[in-house]
Structure formats: C-alpha cells, structure tokens
Amino acid sequence: MSDAALADYLLEALEPAGRATFRRMFGGIALYLDGVVMGLVYDDTAYFKADDRTRPDYEAAGSKPFLYVSRGRTIAMSYWEVPAAILDEPEALQGWARKARAASLRARDPDAPAPRRKRPMPPRQPNRKAGSRRARRGGR
C-alpha cells in the first residue's frame, strides 16, 4: 500500500474519532486529528505520537520508533509504528489515535513564549507631486 493510500485509509478509519486530515511534508505525510499533528505515514508505514504514558503500549506490541539518519547519526523520534493488528480494527485504531493526539498535546511546552508578532508598518506619507525633483529629494 502506498503512503497516499495508507493515509486515505487512516482518514476514513479515524473519521469517528475527530476531524482527520493530512499534509505532505519531508517525503512523507503528517496526520492531524482535530488540528493537532499526531501521526506520520512514511515508507508505507503508519506511526503515531507516543510519550512516557503511551510508549509501553507500543513496546508491548513489538513496535519500533520512527528513525531517520542525519549527518551520519540515526535519530529516533517520538513517533512509533502502529501495530498491524490495530490498523485492522477501526475502533482500536481510533482509541490509539486519540491517545496519540493527547501525547502530542502533552508534548507542547506550556511555558514557551508566544510567537513574536511583526511590527505594523508605519503609515505611508503622501508623496508630493510624483515624479518631480522636489518630491524625489524629500521636498527640499
């Protein structure tokens, strides 16, 4: 099954759990549930967000974390492979997806500063006669 086909299947299966969407990025697909990124589809494999509370479920099912190589180092992310048995059961998949969304929300830093807003541009000053020497020299 291709990444796109797997993502389409997940969107359909997760519909009862909330508003499921996806966005292509970095050669894979990011999965969102109610506007929160909670999963990935990469190389025909589905991964859900995990944390200290949910990681034991993935480990018990024999899942592995999402790995990538950067500058010669292998890096493990906090996304874990969704067990095949869970993919085949929509109700179980919805429960795991809700837990993945909750893990994603817990991972957000509540103490992080709000993003800076850009300063508004000052209002433009009306030009004197456009094209005149005086206007180009600042009115002198």
N, C-alpha and C. Protein backbone atom coordinates (compact mmCIF):
# COMPACT_ATOMS: atom_id res chain seq x y z
N MET A 1 0.86 -1.17 0.00
CA MET A 1 0.00 0.00 0.00
C MET A 1 0.91 1.24 0.00
N SER A 2 0.61 2.20 -0.85
CA SER A 2 1.42 3.41 -0.93
C SER A 2 1.12 4.33 0.26
N ASP A 3 2.00 5.31 0.45
CA ASP A 3 1.79 6.28 1.53
C ASP A 3 0.44 6.97 1.39
N ALA A 4 0.09 7.40 0.17
CA ALA A 4 -1.17 8.11 -0.05
C ALA A 4 -2.36 7.20 0.23
N ALA A 5 -2.29 5.95 -0.22
CA ALA A 5 -3.39 5.01 0.03
C ALA A 5 -3.54 4.73 1.52
N LEU A 6 -2.42 4.58 2.23
CA LEU A 6 -2.48 4.35 3.67
C LEU A 6 -3.06 5.57 4.38
N ALA A 7 -2.65 6.76 3.97
CA ALA A 7 -3.19 7.98 4.58
C ALA A 7 -4.68 8.09 4.33
N ASP A 8 -5.14 7.77 3.12
CA ASP A 8 -6.57 7.80 2.83
C ASP A 8 -7.34 6.81 3.69
N TYR A 9 -6.78 5.60 3.86
CA TYR A 9 -7.40 4.61 4.72
C TYR A 9 -7.51 5.13 6.16
N LEU A 10 -6.42 5.72 6.66
CA LEU A 10 -6.42 6.24 8.03
C LEU A 10 -7.45 7.35 8.20
N LEU A 11 -7.55 8.24 7.21
CA LEU A 11 -8.54 9.33 7.31
C LEU A 11 -9.95 8.76 7.44
N GLU A 12 -10.24 7.77 6.64
CA GLU A 12 -11.57 7.16 6.68
C GLU A 12 -11.80 6.43 8.00
N ALA A 13 -10.81 5.69 8.46
CA ALA A 13 -10.95 4.91 9.69
C ALA A 13 -11.03 5.81 10.92
N LEU A 14 -10.35 6.96 10.87
CA LEU A 14 -10.31 7.85 12.05
C LEU A 14 -11.44 8.87 12.08
N GLU A 15 -12.26 8.89 11.06
CA GLU A 15 -13.34 9.88 10.98
C GLU A 15 -14.21 9.93 12.24
N PRO A 16 -14.60 8.80 12.83
CA PRO A 16 -15.41 8.86 14.06
C PRO A 16 -14.65 9.44 15.27
N ALA A 17 -13.31 9.44 15.22
CA ALA A 17 -12.51 9.93 16.36
C ALA A 17 -12.40 11.45 16.36
N GLY A 18 -12.63 12.08 15.22
CA GLY A 18 -12.49 13.53 15.11
C GLY A 18 -12.22 13.90 13.67
N ARG A 19 -11.89 15.16 13.46
CA ARG A 19 -11.61 15.65 12.11
C ARG A 19 -10.18 15.27 11.74
N ALA A 20 -10.05 14.26 10.89
CA ALA A 20 -8.73 13.76 10.48
C ALA A 20 -8.35 14.39 9.14
N THR A 21 -7.12 14.89 9.07
CA THR A 21 -6.59 15.48 7.85
C THR A 21 -5.13 15.07 7.72
N PHE A 22 -4.55 15.34 6.56
CA PHE A 22 -3.13 15.09 6.40
C PHE A 22 -2.50 16.15 5.52
N ARG A 23 -1.19 16.26 5.64
CA ARG A 23 -0.40 17.20 4.84
C ARG A 23 0.91 16.52 4.46
N ARG A 24 1.26 16.64 3.19
CA ARG A 24 2.53 16.07 2.73
C ARG A 24 3.68 16.94 3.22
N MET A 25 4.71 16.29 3.75
CA MET A 25 5.89 17.03 4.17
C MET A 25 7.08 16.09 4.33
N PHE A 26 8.26 16.59 3.96
CA PHE A 26 9.53 15.88 4.13
C PHE A 26 9.51 14.46 3.56
N GLY A 27 8.90 14.28 2.42
CA GLY A 27 8.88 12.98 1.78
C GLY A 27 7.89 12.00 2.39
N GLY A 28 7.12 12.44 3.36
CA GLY A 28 6.11 11.60 3.99
C GLY A 28 4.81 12.37 4.14
N ILE A 29 4.00 11.93 5.06
CA ILE A 29 2.70 12.55 5.29
C ILE A 29 2.51 12.74 6.79
N ALA A 30 2.12 13.94 7.19
CA ALA A 30 1.80 14.22 8.59
C ALA A 30 0.29 14.06 8.78
N LEU A 31 -0.11 13.34 9.82
CA LEU A 31 -1.52 13.12 10.13
C LEU A 31 -1.95 14.05 11.26
N TYR A 32 -3.13 14.63 11.10
CA TYR A 32 -3.68 15.54 12.10
C TYR A 32 -5.03 15.00 12.57
N LEU A 33 -5.30 15.16 13.85
CA LEU A 33 -6.61 14.83 14.40
C LEU A 33 -7.09 16.05 15.15
N ASP A 34 -8.16 16.64 14.68
CA ASP A 34 -8.69 17.89 15.24
C ASP A 34 -7.63 18.98 15.29
N GLY A 35 -6.87 19.10 14.21
CA GLY A 35 -5.90 20.17 14.08
C GLY A 35 -4.57 19.95 14.79
N VAL A 36 -4.37 18.81 15.41
CA VAL A 36 -3.13 18.52 16.14
C VAL A 36 -2.40 17.39 15.42
N VAL A 37 -1.13 17.63 15.07
CA VAL A 37 -0.37 16.57 14.42
C VAL A 37 -0.17 15.44 15.43
N MET A 38 -0.54 14.23 15.00
CA MET A 38 -0.47 13.10 15.92
C MET A 38 0.09 11.85 15.27
N GLY A 39 0.48 11.96 14.00
CA GLY A 39 1.00 10.78 13.34
C GLY A 39 1.74 11.10 12.06
N LEU A 40 2.40 10.06 11.53
CA LEU A 40 3.14 10.16 10.29
C LEU A 40 2.85 8.93 9.45
N VAL A 41 2.94 9.11 8.16
CA VAL A 41 2.97 7.97 7.24
C VAL A 41 4.24 8.15 6.44
N TYR A 42 5.11 7.15 6.52
CA TYR A 42 6.37 7.22 5.80
C TYR A 42 6.77 5.81 5.39
N ASP A 43 7.15 5.66 4.14
CA ASP A 43 7.62 4.38 3.62
C ASP A 43 6.58 3.28 3.88
N ASP A 44 5.34 3.58 3.56
CA ASP A 44 4.21 2.64 3.69
C ASP A 44 3.97 2.14 5.11
N THR A 45 4.33 2.97 6.09
CA THR A 45 4.15 2.60 7.49
C THR A 45 3.51 3.77 8.23
N ALA A 46 2.56 3.45 9.12
CA ALA A 46 1.90 4.47 9.94
C ALA A 46 2.58 4.53 11.30
N TYR A 47 2.81 5.75 11.77
CA TYR A 47 3.41 5.99 13.08
C TYR A 47 2.53 6.96 13.84
N PHE A 48 2.34 6.72 15.13
CA PHE A 48 1.59 7.63 15.99
C PHE A 48 2.51 8.21 17.05
N LYS A 49 2.19 9.40 17.50
CA LYS A 49 2.95 10.09 18.55
C LYS A 49 2.84 9.29 19.84
N ALA A 50 3.96 9.14 20.54
CA ALA A 50 3.99 8.43 21.82
C ALA A 50 4.78 9.24 22.82
N ASP A 51 4.48 9.03 24.09
CA ASP A 51 5.24 9.66 25.17
C ASP A 51 5.41 8.63 26.28
N ASP A 52 5.86 9.07 27.44
CA ASP A 52 6.11 8.12 28.54
C ASP A 52 4.86 7.34 28.94
N ARG A 53 3.69 7.94 28.78
CA ARG A 53 2.45 7.25 29.16
C ARG A 53 2.05 6.18 28.15
N THR A 54 2.28 6.44 26.87
CA THR A 54 1.78 5.53 25.84
C THR A 54 2.86 4.63 25.22
N ARG A 55 4.12 4.97 25.39
CA ARG A 55 5.21 4.18 24.79
C ARG A 55 5.16 2.70 25.20
N PRO A 56 4.84 2.38 26.46
CA PRO A 56 4.78 0.95 26.83
C PRO A 56 3.80 0.13 25.99
N ASP A 57 2.70 0.75 25.54
CA ASP A 57 1.75 0.03 24.69
C ASP A 57 2.40 -0.37 23.37
N TYR A 58 3.17 0.56 22.79
CA TYR A 58 3.85 0.27 21.53
C TYR A 58 4.95 -0.77 21.72
N GLU A 59 5.69 -0.64 22.81
CA GLU A 59 6.76 -1.61 23.08
C GLU A 59 6.18 -3.00 23.29
N ALA A 60 5.06 -3.10 24.03
CA ALA A 60 4.43 -4.39 24.28
C ALA A 60 3.93 -5.04 23.00
N ALA A 61 3.54 -4.20 22.01
CA ALA A 61 3.06 -4.72 20.74
C ALA A 61 4.20 -5.03 19.77
N GLY A 62 5.44 -4.77 20.20
CA GLY A 62 6.59 -5.06 19.35
C GLY A 62 6.88 -3.98 18.31
N SER A 63 6.34 -2.79 18.51
CA SER A 63 6.55 -1.69 17.56
C SER A 63 7.93 -1.09 17.74
N LYS A 64 8.34 -0.35 16.73
CA LYS A 64 9.63 0.33 16.76
C LYS A 64 9.41 1.82 16.50
N PRO A 65 10.31 2.67 17.01
CA PRO A 65 10.16 4.10 16.77
C PRO A 65 10.54 4.48 15.34
N PHE A 66 10.06 5.63 14.91
CA PHE A 66 10.43 6.18 13.61
C PHE A 66 11.88 6.66 13.71
N LEU A 67 12.70 6.19 12.80
CA LEU A 67 14.13 6.55 12.80
C LEU A 67 14.47 7.25 11.50
N TYR A 68 15.41 8.19 11.58
CA TYR A 68 15.95 8.79 10.36
C TYR A 68 17.43 9.07 10.59
N VAL A 69 18.14 9.22 9.50
CA VAL A 69 19.58 9.45 9.56
C VAL A 69 19.87 10.89 9.17
N SER A 70 20.64 11.56 10.00
CA SER A 70 21.04 12.94 9.74
C SER A 70 22.52 13.09 10.08
N ARG A 71 23.30 13.52 9.10
CA ARG A 71 24.73 13.73 9.29
C ARG A 71 25.43 12.49 9.85
N GLY A 72 25.00 11.34 9.35
CA GLY A 72 25.63 10.09 9.76
C GLY A 72 25.14 9.53 11.08
N ARG A 73 24.22 10.21 11.74
CA ARG A 73 23.68 9.73 13.02
C ARG A 73 22.24 9.26 12.82
N THR A 74 21.87 8.18 13.50
CA THR A 74 20.49 7.70 13.47
C THR A 74 19.75 8.34 14.64
N ILE A 75 18.63 8.96 14.33
CA ILE A 75 17.86 9.69 15.33
C ILE A 75 16.47 9.07 15.46
N ALA A 76 16.05 8.78 16.69
CA ALA A 76 14.73 8.23 16.97
C ALA A 76 13.79 9.38 17.34
N MET A 77 12.63 9.38 16.72
CA MET A 77 11.63 10.40 17.04
C MET A 77 10.60 9.78 18.00
N SER A 78 9.71 10.61 18.48
CA SER A 78 8.70 10.15 19.43
C SER A 78 7.45 9.63 18.73
N TYR A 79 7.62 9.15 17.50
CA TYR A 79 6.53 8.51 16.76
C TYR A 79 6.86 7.03 16.66
N TRP A 80 5.86 6.18 16.96
CA TRP A 80 6.06 4.74 16.97
C TRP A 80 5.14 4.08 15.97
N GLU A 81 5.63 2.99 15.40
CA GLU A 81 4.88 2.23 14.41
C GLU A 81 3.56 1.73 14.99
N VAL A 82 2.47 1.96 14.26
CA VAL A 82 1.17 1.48 14.69
C VAL A 82 1.13 -0.03 14.41
N PRO A 83 0.84 -0.85 15.42
CA PRO A 83 0.81 -2.30 15.22
C PRO A 83 -0.20 -2.70 14.14
N ALA A 84 0.16 -3.69 13.34
CA ALA A 84 -0.69 -4.14 12.24
C ALA A 84 -2.07 -4.57 12.74
N ALA A 85 -2.13 -5.23 13.90
CA ALA A 85 -3.42 -5.67 14.44
C ALA A 85 -4.33 -4.48 14.74
N ILE A 86 -3.74 -3.36 15.14
CA ILE A 86 -4.52 -2.16 15.44
C ILE A 86 -5.02 -1.52 14.14
N LEU A 87 -4.19 -1.53 13.10
CA LEU A 87 -4.60 -0.97 11.81
C LEU A 87 -5.82 -1.67 11.24
N ASP A 88 -5.97 -2.95 11.55
CA ASP A 88 -7.08 -3.73 11.02
C ASP A 88 -8.38 -3.57 11.80
N GLU A 89 -8.34 -2.92 12.96
CA GLU A 89 -9.54 -2.75 13.79
C GLU A 89 -9.82 -1.26 13.97
N PRO A 90 -10.78 -0.71 13.22
CA PRO A 90 -11.03 0.73 13.26
C PRO A 90 -11.29 1.30 14.66
N GLU A 91 -12.03 0.59 15.49
CA GLU A 91 -12.33 1.11 16.83
C GLU A 91 -11.06 1.19 17.68
N ALA A 92 -10.22 0.19 17.60
CA ALA A 92 -8.96 0.21 18.34
C ALA A 92 -8.05 1.30 17.78
N LEU A 93 -8.03 1.45 16.46
CA LEU A 93 -7.22 2.47 15.81
C LEU A 93 -7.64 3.87 16.27
N GLN A 94 -8.93 4.08 16.40
CA GLN A 94 -9.43 5.38 16.87
C GLN A 94 -8.96 5.67 18.29
N GLY A 95 -8.98 4.65 19.15
CA GLY A 95 -8.51 4.83 20.52
C GLY A 95 -7.03 5.17 20.57
N TRP A 96 -6.24 4.48 19.76
CA TRP A 96 -4.80 4.76 19.73
C TRP A 96 -4.55 6.16 19.16
N ALA A 97 -5.35 6.56 18.19
CA ALA A 97 -5.19 7.90 17.60
C ALA A 97 -5.52 8.98 18.62
N ARG A 98 -6.56 8.77 19.41
CA ARG A 98 -6.90 9.74 20.46
C ARG A 98 -5.76 9.86 21.48
N LYS A 99 -5.17 8.70 21.84
CA LYS A 99 -4.04 8.72 22.77
C LYS A 99 -2.84 9.42 22.16
N ALA A 100 -2.63 9.23 20.86
CA ALA A 100 -1.52 9.90 20.17
C ALA A 100 -1.74 11.41 20.15
N ARG A 101 -2.97 11.84 19.92
CA ARG A 101 -3.28 13.27 19.95
C ARG A 101 -3.03 13.84 21.34
N ALA A 102 -3.44 13.10 22.37
CA ALA A 102 -3.21 13.54 23.75
C ALA A 102 -1.71 13.63 24.04
N ALA A 103 -0.94 12.67 23.56
CA ALA A 103 0.51 12.70 23.75
C ALA A 103 1.12 13.92 23.07
N SER A 104 0.61 14.24 21.90
CA SER A 104 1.10 15.41 21.17
C SER A 104 0.79 16.69 21.93
N LEU A 105 -0.39 16.76 22.51
CA LEU A 105 -0.76 17.94 23.30
C LEU A 105 0.09 18.05 24.55
N ARG A 106 0.38 16.92 25.19
CA ARG A 106 1.23 16.94 26.39
C ARG A 106 2.65 17.38 26.05
N ALA A 107 3.10 17.09 24.83
CA ALA A 107 4.47 17.42 24.44
C ALA A 107 4.66 18.92 24.21
N ARG A 108 3.58 19.63 24.01
CA ARG A 108 3.71 21.07 23.81
C ARG A 108 4.15 21.71 25.11
N ASP A 109 5.06 22.64 25.02
CA ASP A 109 5.61 23.31 26.20
C ASP A 109 4.69 24.46 26.60
N PRO A 110 3.99 24.35 27.73
CA PRO A 110 3.08 25.43 28.13
C PRO A 110 3.81 26.71 28.52
N ASP A 111 5.11 26.61 28.81
CA ASP A 111 5.87 27.79 29.22
C ASP A 111 6.59 28.46 28.05
N ALA A 112 6.40 27.92 26.84
CA ALA A 112 7.08 28.50 25.69
C ALA A 112 6.52 29.89 25.41
N PRO A 113 7.39 30.82 25.05
CA PRO A 113 6.90 32.16 24.76
C PRO A 113 6.04 32.17 23.50
N ALA A 114 5.10 33.07 23.47
CA ALA A 114 4.23 33.20 22.30
C ALA A 114 5.07 33.70 21.13
N PRO A 115 4.71 33.30 19.92
CA PRO A 115 5.48 33.79 18.79
C PRO A 115 5.40 35.30 18.68
N ARG A 116 6.52 35.91 18.29
CA ARG A 116 6.56 37.36 18.17
C ARG A 116 5.72 37.81 17.00
N ARG A 117 5.00 38.89 17.20
CA ARG A 117 4.23 39.47 16.11
C ARG A 117 5.10 40.48 15.40
N LYS A 118 4.91 40.57 14.12
CA LYS A 118 5.65 41.56 13.36
C LYS A 118 5.08 42.93 13.67
N ARG A 119 5.97 43.91 13.70
CA ARG A 119 5.51 45.29 13.92
C ARG A 119 4.74 45.76 12.71
N PRO A 120 3.69 46.51 12.94
CA PRO A 120 2.96 47.04 11.79
C PRO A 120 3.82 48.08 11.08
N MET A 121 3.66 48.15 9.80
CA MET A 121 4.39 49.14 9.01
C MET A 121 3.84 50.53 9.34
N PRO A 122 4.71 51.55 9.41
CA PRO A 122 4.20 52.90 9.65
C PRO A 122 3.38 53.35 8.44
N PRO A 123 2.44 54.23 8.68
CA PRO A 123 1.62 54.68 7.54
C PRO A 123 2.49 55.41 6.53
N ARG A 124 2.16 55.25 5.28
CA ARG A 124 2.91 55.90 4.21
C ARG A 124 2.59 57.38 4.19
N GLN A 125 3.61 58.16 3.95
CA GLN A 125 3.42 59.60 3.81
C GLN A 125 3.02 59.89 2.36
N PRO A 126 2.07 60.77 2.20
CA PRO A 126 1.66 61.09 0.82
C PRO A 126 2.80 61.76 0.08
N ASN A 127 2.99 61.36 -1.15
CA ASN A 127 4.03 61.97 -1.99
C ASN A 127 3.59 63.35 -2.44
N ARG A 128 4.58 64.21 -2.56
CA ARG A 128 4.28 65.47 -3.25
C ARG A 128 4.13 65.11 -4.71
N LYS A 129 4.19 65.99 -5.54
CA LYS A 129 3.97 65.70 -6.95
C LYS A 129 4.87 64.55 -7.36
N ALA A 130 4.24 63.46 -7.67
CA ALA A 130 5.00 62.28 -8.05
C ALA A 130 5.84 62.57 -9.27
N GLY A 131 7.10 62.24 -9.21
CA GLY A 131 7.98 62.42 -10.34
C GLY A 131 8.73 63.73 -10.34
N SER A 132 8.36 64.68 -9.49
CA SER A 132 9.06 65.95 -9.50
C SER A 132 10.39 65.81 -8.75
N ARG A 133 11.35 66.67 -9.09
CA ARG A 133 12.64 66.66 -8.39
C ARG A 133 12.45 66.92 -6.93
N ARG A 134 11.58 67.83 -6.61
CA ARG A 134 11.36 68.19 -5.23
C ARG A 134 10.87 66.98 -4.44
N ALA A 135 9.96 66.19 -5.00
CA ALA A 135 9.44 65.01 -4.32
C ALA A 135 10.54 63.98 -4.12
N ARG A 136 11.41 63.80 -5.12
CA ARG A 136 12.48 62.81 -5.03
C ARG A 136 13.53 63.22 -4.01
N ARG A 137 13.73 64.50 -3.80
CA ARG A 137 14.73 64.99 -2.84
C ARG A 137 14.13 65.17 -1.45
N GLY A 138 12.92 64.73 -1.25
CA GLY A 138 12.31 64.87 0.07
C GLY A 138 11.68 66.23 0.29
N GLY A 139 11.33 66.94 -0.76
CA GLY A 139 10.59 68.18 -0.60
C GLY A 139 11.45 69.40 -0.44
N ARG A 140 12.76 69.32 -0.61
CA ARG A 140 13.63 70.48 -0.44
C ARG A 140 13.71 71.32 -1.67
